[in-house]
Amino acid sequence: MAALLPRIASPALLPIPCLPSLAGLAGRLLPTLGLALPGISITIPTLLDDIWEGILRAVPKNKVSHSRKRMRQLANKGLKDVNSLCQCPGCGAPKRMHRLCQNCLEEMRGMWRSDERRKL
């Protein structure tokens, strides 16, 4: 029975005929797992094992709805408070700096419309 099911071999180093000094270095950097099957010998680096586990864990469990995705993307990106306010010198209403006052602008539009009606 033991002959049919061989044991897992100890880490094996692949011989590199051109660079014998790098064979030992490669064995220390990339340890391998040797599997001995009848007629087949396979070596799998443990580095691929770690990568494969990371890929399997990266799959989402459930679909993320459009609204949840948008909430996550837009978190803490709301409108800022307006700090640059001042008083309009014409009517005294609050307005943003370097902008026309909406109250004064409506009054001017009313005057322009009445002038246009008088001309016609």
PDB file of N, CA and C in Angstrom:
ATOM      1  N   MET A   1       0.815  -1.198   0.000  1.00  0.00           N
ATOM      2  CA  MET A   1       0.000   0.000   0.000  1.00  0.00           C
ATOM      3  C   MET A   1       0.857   1.260   0.000  1.00  0.00           C
ATOM      4  N   ALA A   2       1.970   1.236   0.726  1.00  0.00           N
ATOM      5  CA  ALA A   2       2.856   2.395   0.793  1.00  0.00           C
ATOM      6  C   ALA A   2       3.496   2.675  -0.561  1.00  0.00           C
ATOM      7  N   ALA A   3       3.667   1.667  -1.380  1.00  0.00           N
ATOM      8  CA  ALA A   3       4.264   1.866  -2.703  1.00  0.00           C
ATOM      9  C   ALA A   3       3.296   2.586  -3.639  1.00  0.00           C
ATOM     10  N   LEU A   4       1.988   2.416  -3.444  1.00  0.00           N
ATOM     11  CA  LEU A   4       1.015   3.052  -4.315  1.00  0.00           C
ATOM     12  C   LEU A   4       0.811   4.530  -3.968  1.00  0.00           C
ATOM     13  N   LEU A   5       0.936   4.894  -2.711  1.00  0.00           N
ATOM     14  CA  LEU A   5       0.754   6.281  -2.274  1.00  0.00           C
ATOM     15  C   LEU A   5       2.070   6.834  -1.742  1.00  0.00           C
ATOM     16  N   PRO A   6       2.878   7.435  -2.596  1.00  0.00           N
ATOM     17  CA  PRO A   6       4.165   7.973  -2.130  1.00  0.00           C
ATOM     18  C   PRO A   6       3.963   9.189  -1.240  1.00  0.00           C
ATOM     19  N   ARG A   7       4.910   9.413  -0.382  1.00  0.00           N
ATOM     20  CA  ARG A   7       4.860  10.557   0.524  1.00  0.00           C
ATOM     21  C   ARG A   7       5.281  11.831  -0.194  1.00  0.00           C
ATOM     22  N   ILE A   8       4.958  12.982   0.434  1.00  0.00           N
ATOM     23  CA  ILE A   8       5.374  14.275  -0.119  1.00  0.00           C
ATOM     24  C   ILE A   8       6.872  14.403   0.057  1.00  0.00           C
ATOM     25  N   ALA A   9       7.529  14.716  -1.024  1.00  0.00           N
ATOM     26  CA  ALA A   9       8.981  14.828  -1.010  1.00  0.00           C
ATOM     27  C   ALA A   9       9.404  16.103  -0.306  1.00  0.00           C
ATOM     28  N   SER A  10      10.614  16.123   0.174  1.00  0.00           N
ATOM     29  CA  SER A  10      11.153  17.331   0.803  1.00  0.00           C
ATOM     30  C   SER A  10      11.418  18.369  -0.276  1.00  0.00           C
ATOM     31  N   PRO A  11      11.559  19.677   0.090  1.00  0.00           N
ATOM     32  CA  PRO A  11      11.802  20.707  -0.925  1.00  0.00           C
ATOM     33  C   PRO A  11      12.999  20.345  -1.798  1.00  0.00           C
ATOM     34  N   ALA A  12      12.783  20.412  -3.089  1.00  0.00           N
ATOM     35  CA  ALA A  12      13.819  20.006  -4.042  1.00  0.00           C
ATOM     36  C   ALA A  12      14.324  21.225  -4.799  1.00  0.00           C
ATOM     37  N   LEU A  13      15.606  21.208  -5.125  1.00  0.00           N
ATOM     38  CA  LEU A  13      16.208  22.279  -5.904  1.00  0.00           C
ATOM     39  C   LEU A  13      16.385  21.788  -7.332  1.00  0.00           C
ATOM     40  N   LEU A  14      15.970  22.641  -8.261  1.00  0.00           N
ATOM     41  CA  LEU A  14      16.177  22.298  -9.659  1.00  0.00           C
ATOM     42  C   LEU A  14      17.617  22.643 -10.046  1.00  0.00           C
ATOM     43  N   PRO A  15      18.350  21.723 -10.642  1.00  0.00           N
ATOM     44  CA  PRO A  15      19.736  22.036 -11.023  1.00  0.00           C
ATOM     45  C   PRO A  15      19.756  22.976 -12.225  1.00  0.00           C
ATOM     46  N   ILE A  16      20.563  24.025 -12.122  1.00  0.00           N
ATOM     47  CA  ILE A  16      20.757  24.960 -13.222  1.00  0.00           C
ATOM     48  C   ILE A  16      22.187  24.776 -13.702  1.00  0.00           C
ATOM     49  N   PRO A  17      22.372  24.179 -14.885  1.00  0.00           N
ATOM     50  CA  PRO A  17      23.736  23.855 -15.318  1.00  0.00           C
ATOM     51  C   PRO A  17      24.575  25.094 -15.597  1.00  0.00           C
ATOM     52  N   CYS A  18      23.981  26.195 -16.092  1.00  0.00           N
ATOM     53  CA  CYS A  18      24.771  27.368 -16.464  1.00  0.00           C
ATOM     54  C   CYS A  18      25.233  28.153 -15.239  1.00  0.00           C
ATOM     55  N   LEU A  19      24.369  28.269 -14.251  1.00  0.00           N
ATOM     56  CA  LEU A  19      24.675  29.076 -13.079  1.00  0.00           C
ATOM     57  C   LEU A  19      24.554  28.242 -11.808  1.00  0.00           C
ATOM     58  N   PRO A  20      25.580  27.500 -11.461  1.00  0.00           N
ATOM     59  CA  PRO A  20      25.476  26.642 -10.271  1.00  0.00           C
ATOM     60  C   PRO A  20      25.372  27.441  -8.978  1.00  0.00           C
ATOM     61  N   SER A  21      25.903  28.671  -8.930  1.00  0.00           N
ATOM     62  CA  SER A  21      25.851  29.440  -7.688  1.00  0.00           C
ATOM     63  C   SER A  21      24.453  29.994  -7.436  1.00  0.00           C
ATOM     64  N   LEU A  22      23.665  30.202  -8.507  1.00  0.00           N
ATOM     65  CA  LEU A  22      22.310  30.737  -8.344  1.00  0.00           C
ATOM     66  C   LEU A  22      21.308  29.656  -7.966  1.00  0.00           C
ATOM     67  N   ALA A  23      21.654  28.399  -8.134  1.00  0.00           N
ATOM     68  CA  ALA A  23      20.732  27.321  -7.794  1.00  0.00           C
ATOM     69  C   ALA A  23      20.433  27.330  -6.297  1.00  0.00           C
ATOM     70  N   GLY A  24      21.432  27.498  -5.489  1.00  0.00           N
ATOM     71  CA  GLY A  24      21.221  27.555  -4.042  1.00  0.00           C
ATOM     72  C   GLY A  24      20.463  28.810  -3.633  1.00  0.00           C
ATOM     73  N   LEU A  25      20.748  29.939  -4.305  1.00  0.00           N
ATOM     74  CA  LEU A  25      20.061  31.199  -4.013  1.00  0.00           C
ATOM     75  C   LEU A  25      18.593  31.112  -4.381  1.00  0.00           C
ATOM     76  N   ALA A  26      18.288  30.507  -5.534  1.00  0.00           N
ATOM     77  CA  ALA A  26      16.901  30.367  -5.966  1.00  0.00           C
ATOM     78  C   ALA A  26      16.145  29.444  -5.025  1.00  0.00           C
ATOM     79  N   GLY A  27      16.786  28.434  -4.514  1.00  0.00           N
ATOM     80  CA  GLY A  27      16.145  27.516  -3.578  1.00  0.00           C
ATOM     81  C   GLY A  27      15.790  28.196  -2.269  1.00  0.00           C
ATOM     82  N   ARG A  28      16.619  29.136  -1.828  1.00  0.00           N
ATOM     83  CA  ARG A  28      16.335  29.848  -0.581  1.00  0.00           C
ATOM     84  C   ARG A  28      15.265  30.909  -0.773  1.00  0.00           C
ATOM     85  N   LEU A  29      15.213  31.546  -1.963  1.00  0.00           N
ATOM     86  CA  LEU A  29      14.235  32.601  -2.208  1.00  0.00           C
ATOM     87  C   LEU A  29      12.858  32.040  -2.544  1.00  0.00           C
ATOM     88  N   LEU A  30      12.789  30.999  -3.342  1.00  0.00           N
ATOM     89  CA  LEU A  30      11.526  30.398  -3.744  1.00  0.00           C
ATOM     90  C   LEU A  30      11.489  28.940  -3.306  1.00  0.00           C
ATOM     91  N   PRO A  31      11.059  28.674  -2.082  1.00  0.00           N
ATOM     92  CA  PRO A  31      10.971  27.266  -1.674  1.00  0.00           C
ATOM     93  C   PRO A  31       9.876  26.574  -2.474  1.00  0.00           C
ATOM     94  N   THR A  32      10.089  25.333  -2.817  1.00  0.00           N
ATOM     95  CA  THR A  32       9.133  24.601  -3.642  1.00  0.00           C
ATOM     96  C   THR A  32       8.595  23.412  -2.867  1.00  0.00           C
ATOM     97  N   LEU A  33       7.434  22.971  -3.282  1.00  0.00           N
ATOM     98  CA  LEU A  33       6.818  21.784  -2.709  1.00  0.00           C
ATOM     99  C   LEU A  33       6.881  20.702  -3.764  1.00  0.00           C
ATOM    100  N   GLY A  34       7.540  19.617  -3.471  1.00  0.00           N
ATOM    101  CA  GLY A  34       7.676  18.547  -4.452  1.00  0.00           C
ATOM    102  C   GLY A  34       6.647  17.465  -4.204  1.00  0.00           C
ATOM    103  N   LEU A  35       5.889  17.100  -5.218  1.00  0.00           N
ATOM    104  CA  LEU A  35       4.915  16.019  -5.119  1.00  0.00           C
ATOM    105  C   LEU A  35       5.401  14.870  -5.994  1.00  0.00           C
ATOM    106  N   ALA A  36       5.480  13.691  -5.412  1.00  0.00           N
ATOM    107  CA  ALA A  36       5.931  12.525  -6.167  1.00  0.00           C
ATOM    108  C   ALA A  36       4.745  11.613  -6.408  1.00  0.00           C
ATOM    109  N   LEU A  37       4.306  11.541  -7.632  1.00  0.00           N
ATOM    110  CA  LEU A  37       3.251  10.635  -8.040  1.00  0.00           C
ATOM    111  C   LEU A  37       3.873   9.595  -8.956  1.00  0.00           C
ATOM    112  N   PRO A  38       3.260   8.442  -9.073  1.00  0.00           N
ATOM    113  CA  PRO A  38       3.855   7.420  -9.945  1.00  0.00           C
ATOM    114  C   PRO A  38       3.995   7.928 -11.377  1.00  0.00           C
ATOM    115  N   GLY A  39       5.183   8.148 -11.823  1.00  0.00           N
ATOM    116  CA  GLY A  39       5.472   8.578 -13.186  1.00  0.00           C
ATOM    117  C   GLY A  39       5.448  10.091 -13.377  1.00  0.00           C
ATOM    118  N   ILE A  40       4.991  10.876 -12.384  1.00  0.00           N
ATOM    119  CA  ILE A  40       4.895  12.331 -12.531  1.00  0.00           C
ATOM    120  C   ILE A  40       5.552  12.991 -11.322  1.00  0.00           C
ATOM    121  N   SER A  41       6.342  14.003 -11.580  1.00  0.00           N
ATOM    122  CA  SER A  41       6.943  14.785 -10.507  1.00  0.00           C
ATOM    123  C   SER A  41       6.615  16.255 -10.751  1.00  0.00           C
ATOM    124  N   ILE A  42       5.907  16.885  -9.827  1.00  0.00           N
ATOM    125  CA  ILE A  42       5.464  18.272  -9.981  1.00  0.00           C
ATOM    126  C   ILE A  42       6.036  19.101  -8.836  1.00  0.00           C
ATOM    127  N   THR A  43       6.572  20.285  -9.178  1.00  0.00           N
ATOM    128  CA  THR A  43       7.032  21.224  -8.147  1.00  0.00           C
ATOM    129  C   THR A  43       6.203  22.491  -8.259  1.00  0.00           C
ATOM    130  N   ILE A  44       5.616  22.920  -7.146  1.00  0.00           N
ATOM    131  CA  ILE A  44       4.760  24.110  -7.117  1.00  0.00           C
ATOM    132  C   ILE A  44       5.383  25.105  -6.143  1.00  0.00           C
ATOM    133  N   PRO A  45       5.752  26.308  -6.607  1.00  0.00           N
ATOM    134  CA  PRO A  45       6.287  27.295  -5.674  1.00  0.00           C
ATOM    135  C   PRO A  45       5.206  27.743  -4.686  1.00  0.00           C
ATOM    136  N   THR A  46       5.591  27.961  -3.447  1.00  0.00           N
ATOM    137  CA  THR A  46       4.620  28.386  -2.431  1.00  0.00           C
ATOM    138  C   THR A  46       4.168  29.818  -2.668  1.00  0.00           C
ATOM    139  N   LEU A  47       4.901  30.591  -3.475  1.00  0.00           N
ATOM    140  CA  LEU A  47       4.505  31.958  -3.793  1.00  0.00           C
ATOM    141  C   LEU A  47       3.175  31.961  -4.542  1.00  0.00           C
ATOM    142  N   LEU A  48       2.987  31.026  -5.476  1.00  0.00           N
ATOM    143  CA  LEU A  48       1.723  30.932  -6.207  1.00  0.00           C
ATOM    144  C   LEU A  48       0.579  30.548  -5.285  1.00  0.00           C
ATOM    145  N   ASP A  49       0.872  29.776  -4.272  1.00  0.00           N
ATOM    146  CA  ASP A  49      -0.142  29.378  -3.310  1.00  0.00           C
ATOM    147  C   ASP A  49      -0.713  30.604  -2.602  1.00  0.00           C
ATOM    148  N   ASP A  50       0.149  31.529  -2.193  1.00  0.00           N
ATOM    149  CA  ASP A  50      -0.305  32.745  -1.508  1.00  0.00           C
ATOM    150  C   ASP A  50      -1.108  33.636  -2.444  1.00  0.00           C
ATOM    151  N   ILE A  51      -0.674  33.752  -3.682  1.00  0.00           N
ATOM    152  CA  ILE A  51      -1.393  34.584  -4.654  1.00  0.00           C
ATOM    153  C   ILE A  51      -2.774  34.004  -4.910  1.00  0.00           C
ATOM    154  N   TRP A  52      -2.858  32.685  -5.059  1.00  0.00           N
ATOM    155  CA  TRP A  52      -4.142  32.051  -5.341  1.00  0.00           C
ATOM    156  C   TRP A  52      -5.124  32.264  -4.195  1.00  0.00           C
ATOM    157  N   GLU A  53      -4.659  32.185  -2.957  1.00  0.00           N
ATOM    158  CA  GLU A  53      -5.534  32.428  -1.804  1.00  0.00           C
ATOM    159  C   GLU A  53      -6.053  33.859  -1.809  1.00  0.00           C
ATOM    160  N   GLY A  54      -5.196  34.829  -2.173  1.00  0.00           N
ATOM    161  CA  GLY A  54      -5.623  36.219  -2.240  1.00  0.00           C
ATOM    162  C   GLY A  54      -6.669  36.454  -3.307  1.00  0.00           C
ATOM    163  N   ILE A  55      -6.540  35.764  -4.438  1.00  0.00           N
ATOM    164  CA  ILE A  55      -7.519  35.906  -5.521  1.00  0.00           C
ATOM    165  C   ILE A  55      -8.860  35.337  -5.089  1.00  0.00           C
ATOM    166  N   LEU A  56      -8.848  34.223  -4.403  1.00  0.00           N
ATOM    167  CA  LEU A  56     -10.104  33.610  -3.974  1.00  0.00           C
ATOM    168  C   LEU A  56     -10.833  34.469  -2.951  1.00  0.00           C
ATOM    169  N   ARG A  57     -10.108  35.184  -2.111  1.00  0.00           N
ATOM    170  CA  ARG A  57     -10.751  36.020  -1.086  1.00  0.00           C
ATOM    171  C   ARG A  57     -11.245  37.345  -1.640  1.00  0.00           C
ATOM    172  N   ALA A  58     -10.820  37.736  -2.832  1.00  0.00           N
ATOM    173  CA  ALA A  58     -11.174  39.046  -3.376  1.00  0.00           C
ATOM    174  C   ALA A  58     -12.532  39.058  -4.058  1.00  0.00           C
ATOM    175  N   VAL A  59     -13.248  37.959  -4.071  1.00  0.00           N
ATOM    176  CA  VAL A  59     -14.541  37.891  -4.740  1.00  0.00           C
ATOM    177  C   VAL A  59     -15.623  38.407  -3.792  1.00  0.00           C
ATOM    178  N   PRO A  60     -16.462  39.369  -4.241  1.00  0.00           N
ATOM    179  CA  PRO A  60     -17.525  39.862  -3.362  1.00  0.00           C
ATOM    180  C   PRO A  60     -18.575  38.788  -3.105  1.00  0.00           C
ATOM    181  N   LYS A  61     -19.136  38.817  -1.902  1.00  0.00           N
ATOM    182  CA  LYS A  61     -20.122  37.816  -1.526  1.00  0.00           C
ATOM    183  C   LYS A  61     -21.479  38.113  -2.147  1.00  0.00           C
ATOM    184  N   ASN A  62     -21.891  39.390  -2.129  1.00  0.00           N
ATOM    185  CA  ASN A  62     -23.172  39.804  -2.703  1.00  0.00           C
ATOM    186  C   ASN A  62     -22.964  40.999  -3.610  1.00  0.00           C
ATOM    187  N   LYS A  63     -23.959  41.236  -4.487  1.00  0.00           N
ATOM    188  CA  LYS A  63     -23.896  42.393  -5.372  1.00  0.00           C
ATOM    189  C   LYS A  63     -24.121  43.665  -4.564  1.00  0.00           C
ATOM    190  N   VAL A  64     -23.353  44.704  -4.866  1.00  0.00           N
ATOM    191  CA  VAL A  64     -23.515  45.992  -4.211  1.00  0.00           C
ATOM    192  C   VAL A  64     -24.457  46.828  -5.065  1.00  0.00           C
ATOM    193  N   SER A  65     -25.539  47.312  -4.448  1.00  0.00           N
ATOM    194  CA  SER A  65     -26.528  48.081  -5.213  1.00  0.00           C
ATOM    195  C   SER A  65     -25.950  49.426  -5.631  1.00  0.00           C
ATOM    196  N   HIS A  66     -26.616  50.032  -6.614  1.00  0.00           N
ATOM    197  CA  HIS A  66     -26.157  51.325  -7.139  1.00  0.00           C
ATOM    198  C   HIS A  66     -26.164  52.383  -6.040  1.00  0.00           C
ATOM    199  N   SER A  67     -27.209  52.410  -5.237  1.00  0.00           N
ATOM    200  CA  SER A  67     -27.295  53.447  -4.194  1.00  0.00           C
ATOM    201  C   SER A  67     -26.222  53.263  -3.134  1.00  0.00           C
ATOM    202  N   ARG A  68     -25.942  52.014  -2.738  1.00  0.00           N
ATOM    203  CA  ARG A  68     -24.886  51.787  -1.740  1.00  0.00           C
ATOM    204  C   ARG A  68     -23.509  52.181  -2.286  1.00  0.00           C
ATOM    205  N   LYS A  69     -23.280  51.850  -3.553  1.00  0.00           N
ATOM    206  CA  LYS A  69     -21.994  52.198  -4.163  1.00  0.00           C
ATOM    207  C   LYS A  69     -21.835  53.717  -4.207  1.00  0.00           C
ATOM    208  N   ARG A  70     -22.897  54.441  -4.599  1.00  0.00           N
ATOM    209  CA  ARG A  70     -22.829  55.900  -4.675  1.00  0.00           C
ATOM    210  C   ARG A  70     -22.654  56.515  -3.290  1.00  0.00           C
ATOM    211  N   MET A  71     -23.324  55.946  -2.276  1.00  0.00           N
ATOM    212  CA  MET A  71     -23.163  56.462  -0.910  1.00  0.00           C
ATOM    213  C   MET A  71     -21.708  56.327  -0.455  1.00  0.00           C
ATOM    214  N   ARG A  72     -21.100  55.190  -0.777  1.00  0.00           N
ATOM    215  CA  ARG A  72     -19.706  54.977  -0.379  1.00  0.00           C
ATOM    216  C   ARG A  72     -18.780  55.942  -1.106  1.00  0.00           C
ATOM    217  N   GLN A  73     -19.029  56.165  -2.401  1.00  0.00           N
ATOM    218  CA  GLN A  73     -18.157  57.027  -3.193  1.00  0.00           C
ATOM    219  C   GLN A  73     -18.299  58.490  -2.794  1.00  0.00           C
ATOM    220  N   LEU A  74     -19.503  58.899  -2.415  1.00  0.00           N
ATOM    221  CA  LEU A  74     -19.754  60.314  -2.132  1.00  0.00           C
ATOM    222  C   LEU A  74     -19.699  60.647  -0.643  1.00  0.00           C
ATOM    223  N   ALA A  75     -19.259  59.724   0.190  1.00  0.00           N
ATOM    224  CA  ALA A  75     -19.182  59.994   1.612  1.00  0.00           C
ATOM    225  C   ALA A  75     -18.192  61.127   1.881  1.00  0.00           C
ATOM    226  N   ASN A  76     -18.570  62.060   2.707  1.00  0.00           N
ATOM    227  CA  ASN A  76     -17.750  63.211   3.105  1.00  0.00           C
ATOM    228  C   ASN A  76     -17.389  64.116   1.936  1.00  0.00           C
ATOM    229  N   LYS A  77     -18.226  64.147   0.915  1.00  0.00           N
ATOM    230  CA  LYS A  77     -17.984  65.036  -0.215  1.00  0.00           C
ATOM    231  C   LYS A  77     -19.173  65.965  -0.414  1.00  0.00           C
ATOM    232  N   GLY A  78     -19.869  66.302   0.658  1.00  0.00           N
ATOM    233  CA  GLY A  78     -21.052  67.153   0.571  1.00  0.00           C
ATOM    234  C   GLY A  78     -20.684  68.603   0.308  1.00  0.00           C
ATOM    235  N   LEU A  79     -21.700  69.448   0.244  1.00  0.00           N
ATOM    236  CA  LEU A  79     -21.479  70.865  -0.001  1.00  0.00           C
ATOM    237  C   LEU A  79     -20.835  71.517   1.207  1.00  0.00           C
ATOM    238  N   LYS A  80     -19.966  72.454   0.957  1.00  0.00           N
ATOM    239  CA  LYS A  80     -19.290  73.183   2.026  1.00  0.00           C
ATOM    240  C   LYS A  80     -20.166  74.351   2.472  1.00  0.00           C
ATOM    241  N   ASP A  81     -20.003  74.773   3.719  1.00  0.00           N
ATOM    242  CA  ASP A  81     -20.713  75.941   4.215  1.00  0.00           C
ATOM    243  C   ASP A  81     -20.158  77.195   3.559  1.00  0.00           C
ATOM    244  N   VAL A  82     -21.042  78.162   3.313  1.00  0.00           N
ATOM    245  CA  VAL A  82     -20.626  79.419   2.690  1.00  0.00           C
ATOM    246  C   VAL A  82     -20.189  80.370   3.801  1.00  0.00           C
ATOM    247  N   ASN A  83     -18.917  80.738   3.795  1.00  0.00           N
ATOM    248  CA  ASN A  83     -18.378  81.628   4.821  1.00  0.00           C
ATOM    249  C   ASN A  83     -18.184  83.048   4.310  1.00  0.00           C
ATOM    250  N   SER A  84     -18.223  83.246   3.004  1.00  0.00           N
ATOM    251  CA  SER A  84     -17.924  84.556   2.438  1.00  0.00           C
ATOM    252  C   SER A  84     -19.223  85.324   2.185  1.00  0.00           C
ATOM    253  N   LEU A  85     -19.866  85.763   3.265  1.00  0.00           N
ATOM    254  CA  LEU A  85     -21.094  86.552   3.158  1.00  0.00           C
ATOM    255  C   LEU A  85     -20.823  87.982   3.620  1.00  0.00           C
ATOM    256  N   CYS A  86     -21.534  88.909   3.028  1.00  0.00           N
ATOM    257  CA  CYS A  86     -21.443  90.310   3.445  1.00  0.00           C
ATOM    258  C   CYS A  86     -22.812  90.955   3.239  1.00  0.00           C
ATOM    259  N   GLN A  87     -22.940  92.226   3.592  1.00  0.00           N
ATOM    260  CA  GLN A  87     -24.201  92.940   3.403  1.00  0.00           C
ATOM    261  C   GLN A  87     -24.141  93.751   2.118  1.00  0.00           C
ATOM    262  N   CYS A  88     -25.267  93.788   1.426  1.00  0.00           N
ATOM    263  CA  CYS A  88     -25.360  94.578   0.199  1.00  0.00           C
ATOM    264  C   CYS A  88     -25.351  96.063   0.584  1.00  0.00           C
ATOM    265  N   PRO A  89     -24.518  96.887  -0.059  1.00  0.00           N
ATOM    266  CA  PRO A  89     -24.495  98.314   0.281  1.00  0.00           C
ATOM    267  C   PRO A  89     -25.768  99.048  -0.150  1.00  0.00           C
ATOM    268  N   GLY A  90     -26.516  98.490  -1.122  1.00  0.00           N
ATOM    269  CA  GLY A  90     -27.735  99.153  -1.604  1.00  0.00           C
ATOM    270  C   GLY A  90     -28.936  98.906  -0.711  1.00  0.00           C
ATOM    271  N   CYS A  91     -29.209  97.606  -0.383  1.00  0.00           N
ATOM    272  CA  CYS A  91     -30.418  97.293   0.379  1.00  0.00           C
ATOM    273  C   CYS A  91     -30.133  96.714   1.758  1.00  0.00           C
ATOM    274  N   GLY A  92     -28.923  96.292   2.037  1.00  0.00           N
ATOM    275  CA  GLY A  92     -28.562  95.768   3.354  1.00  0.00           C
ATOM    276  C   GLY A  92     -28.848  94.282   3.522  1.00  0.00           C
ATOM    277  N   ALA A  93     -29.306  93.611   2.464  1.00  0.00           N
ATOM    278  CA  ALA A  93     -29.580  92.171   2.549  1.00  0.00           C
ATOM    279  C   ALA A  93     -28.268  91.392   2.497  1.00  0.00           C
ATOM    280  N   PRO A  94     -28.227  90.224   3.125  1.00  0.00           N
ATOM    281  CA  PRO A  94     -26.993  89.419   3.038  1.00  0.00           C
ATOM    282  C   PRO A  94     -26.808  88.880   1.615  1.00  0.00           C
ATOM    283  N   LYS A  95     -25.545  88.907   1.152  1.00  0.00           N
ATOM    284  CA  LYS A  95     -25.217  88.399  -0.182  1.00  0.00           C
ATOM    285  C   LYS A  95     -23.813  87.826  -0.147  1.00  0.00           C
ATOM    286  N   ARG A  96     -23.473  87.045  -1.172  1.00  0.00           N
ATOM    287  CA  ARG A  96     -22.114  86.509  -1.272  1.00  0.00           C
ATOM    288  C   ARG A  96     -21.194  87.595  -1.794  1.00  0.00           C
ATOM    289  N   MET A  97     -19.942  87.549  -1.324  1.00  0.00           N
ATOM    290  CA  MET A  97     -18.967  88.558  -1.759  1.00  0.00           C
ATOM    291  C   MET A  97     -18.719  88.453  -3.260  1.00  0.00           C
ATOM    292  N   HIS A  98     -18.500  89.585  -3.888  1.00  0.00           N
ATOM    293  CA  HIS A  98     -18.171  89.685  -5.310  1.00  0.00           C
ATOM    294  C   HIS A  98     -19.293  89.161  -6.198  1.00  0.00           C
ATOM    295  N   ARG A  99     -20.525  89.169  -5.716  1.00  0.00           N
ATOM    296  CA  ARG A  99     -21.690  88.767  -6.487  1.00  0.00           C
ATOM    297  C   ARG A  99     -22.720  89.899  -6.428  1.00  0.00           C
ATOM    298  N   LEU A 100     -23.631  89.913  -7.394  1.00  0.00           N
ATOM    299  CA  LEU A 100     -24.724  90.883  -7.363  1.00  0.00           C
ATOM    300  C   LEU A 100     -25.755  90.446  -6.339  1.00  0.00           C
ATOM    301  N   CYS A 101     -26.349  91.431  -5.675  1.00  0.00           N
ATOM    302  CA  CYS A 101     -27.419  91.148  -4.725  1.00  0.00           C
ATOM    303  C   CYS A 101     -28.673  90.785  -5.517  1.00  0.00           C
ATOM    304  N   GLN A 102     -29.330  89.684  -5.146  1.00  0.00           N
ATOM    305  CA  GLN A 102     -30.507  89.231  -5.879  1.00  0.00           C
ATOM    306  C   GLN A 102     -31.678  90.199  -5.717  1.00  0.00           C
ATOM    307  N   ASN A 103     -31.808  90.834  -4.539  1.00  0.00           N
ATOM    308  CA  ASN A 103     -32.895  91.804  -4.335  1.00  0.00           C
ATOM    309  C   ASN A 103     -32.709  93.014  -5.245  1.00  0.00           C
ATOM    310  N   CYS A 104     -31.505  93.544  -5.262  1.00  0.00           N
ATOM    311  CA  CYS A 104     -31.231  94.715  -6.111  1.00  0.00           C
ATOM    312  C   CYS A 104     -31.360  94.354  -7.589  1.00  0.00           C
ATOM    313  N   LEU A 105     -30.940  93.172  -7.967  1.00  0.00           N
ATOM    314  CA  LEU A 105     -31.016  92.732  -9.355  1.00  0.00           C
ATOM    315  C   LEU A 105     -32.477  92.636  -9.808  1.00  0.00           C
ATOM    316  N   GLU A 106     -33.350  92.117  -8.950  1.00  0.00           N
ATOM    317  CA  GLU A 106     -34.777  92.038  -9.302  1.00  0.00           C
ATOM    318  C   GLU A 106     -35.376  93.436  -9.460  1.00  0.00           C
ATOM    319  N   GLU A 107     -34.963  94.360  -8.600  1.00  0.00           N
ATOM    320  CA  GLU A 107     -35.447  95.743  -8.724  1.00  0.00           C
ATOM    321  C   GLU A 107     -34.998  96.360 -10.048  1.00  0.00           C
ATOM    322  N   MET A 108     -33.722  96.134 -10.416  1.00  0.00           N
ATOM    323  CA  MET A 108     -33.212  96.676 -11.678  1.00  0.00           C
ATOM    324  C   MET A 108     -33.944  96.054 -12.870  1.00  0.00           C
ATOM    325  N   ARG A 109     -34.232  94.766 -12.838  1.00  0.00           N
ATOM    326  CA  ARG A 109     -34.957  94.117 -13.935  1.00  0.00           C
ATOM    327  C   ARG A 109     -36.370  94.700 -14.065  1.00  0.00           C
ATOM    328  N   GLY A 110     -36.986  94.944 -12.911  1.00  0.00           N
ATOM    329  CA  GLY A 110     -38.321  95.552 -12.944  1.00  0.00           C
ATOM    330  C   GLY A 110     -38.286  96.928 -13.588  1.00  0.00           C
ATOM    331  N   MET A 111     -37.241  97.729 -13.272  1.00  0.00           N
ATOM    332  CA  MET A 111     -37.108  99.060 -13.876  1.00  0.00           C
ATOM    333  C   MET A 111     -36.886  98.944 -15.382  1.00  0.00           C
ATOM    334  N   TRP A 112     -36.037  97.997 -15.803  1.00  0.00           N
ATOM    335  CA  TRP A 112     -35.762  97.826 -17.235  1.00  0.00           C
ATOM    336  C   TRP A 112     -37.034  97.408 -17.985  1.00  0.00           C
ATOM    337  N   ARG A 113     -37.812  96.515 -17.393  1.00  0.00           N
ATOM    338  CA  ARG A 113     -39.058  96.075 -18.037  1.00  0.00           C
ATOM    339  C   ARG A 113     -40.047  97.228 -18.164  1.00  0.00           C
ATOM    340  N   SER A 114     -40.160  98.035 -17.102  1.00  0.00           N
ATOM    341  CA  SER A 114     -41.097  99.171 -17.162  1.00  0.00           C
ATOM    342  C   SER A 114     -40.633 100.189 -18.208  1.00  0.00           C
ATOM    343  N   ASP A 115     -39.308 100.402 -18.343  1.00  0.00           N
ATOM    344  CA  ASP A 115     -38.787 101.303 -19.377  1.00  0.00           C
ATOM    345  C   ASP A 115     -39.100 100.767 -20.764  1.00  0.00           C
ATOM    346  N   GLU A 116     -38.985  99.451 -20.972  1.00  0.00           N
ATOM    347  CA  GLU A 116     -39.276  98.835 -22.262  1.00  0.00           C
ATOM    348  C   GLU A 116     -40.756  98.993 -22.607  1.00  0.00           C
ATOM    349  N   ARG A 117     -41.620  98.863 -21.614  1.00  0.00           N
ATOM    350  CA  ARG A 117     -43.064  99.010 -21.870  1.00  0.00           C
ATOM    351  C   ARG A 117     -43.426 100.447 -22.244  1.00  0.00           C
ATOM    352  N   ARG A 118     -42.742 101.401 -21.611  1.00  0.00           N
ATOM    353  CA  ARG A 118     -43.009 102.818 -21.895  1.00  0.00           C
ATOM    354  C   ARG A 118     -42.598 103.170 -23.325  1.00  0.00           C
ATOM    355  N   LYS A 119     -41.482 102.570 -23.769  1.00  0.00           N
ATOM    356  CA  LYS A 119     -40.992 102.879 -25.117  1.00  0.00           C
ATOM    357  C   LYS A 119     -41.944 102.343 -26.184  1.00  0.00           C
ATOM    358  N   LEU A 120     -42.617 101.238 -25.911  1.00  0.00           N
ATOM    359  CA  LEU A 120     -43.505 100.629 -26.897  1.00  0.00           C
ATOM    360  C   LEU A 120     -44.800 101.375 -26.884  1.00  0.00           C
TER     361      LEU A 120
END
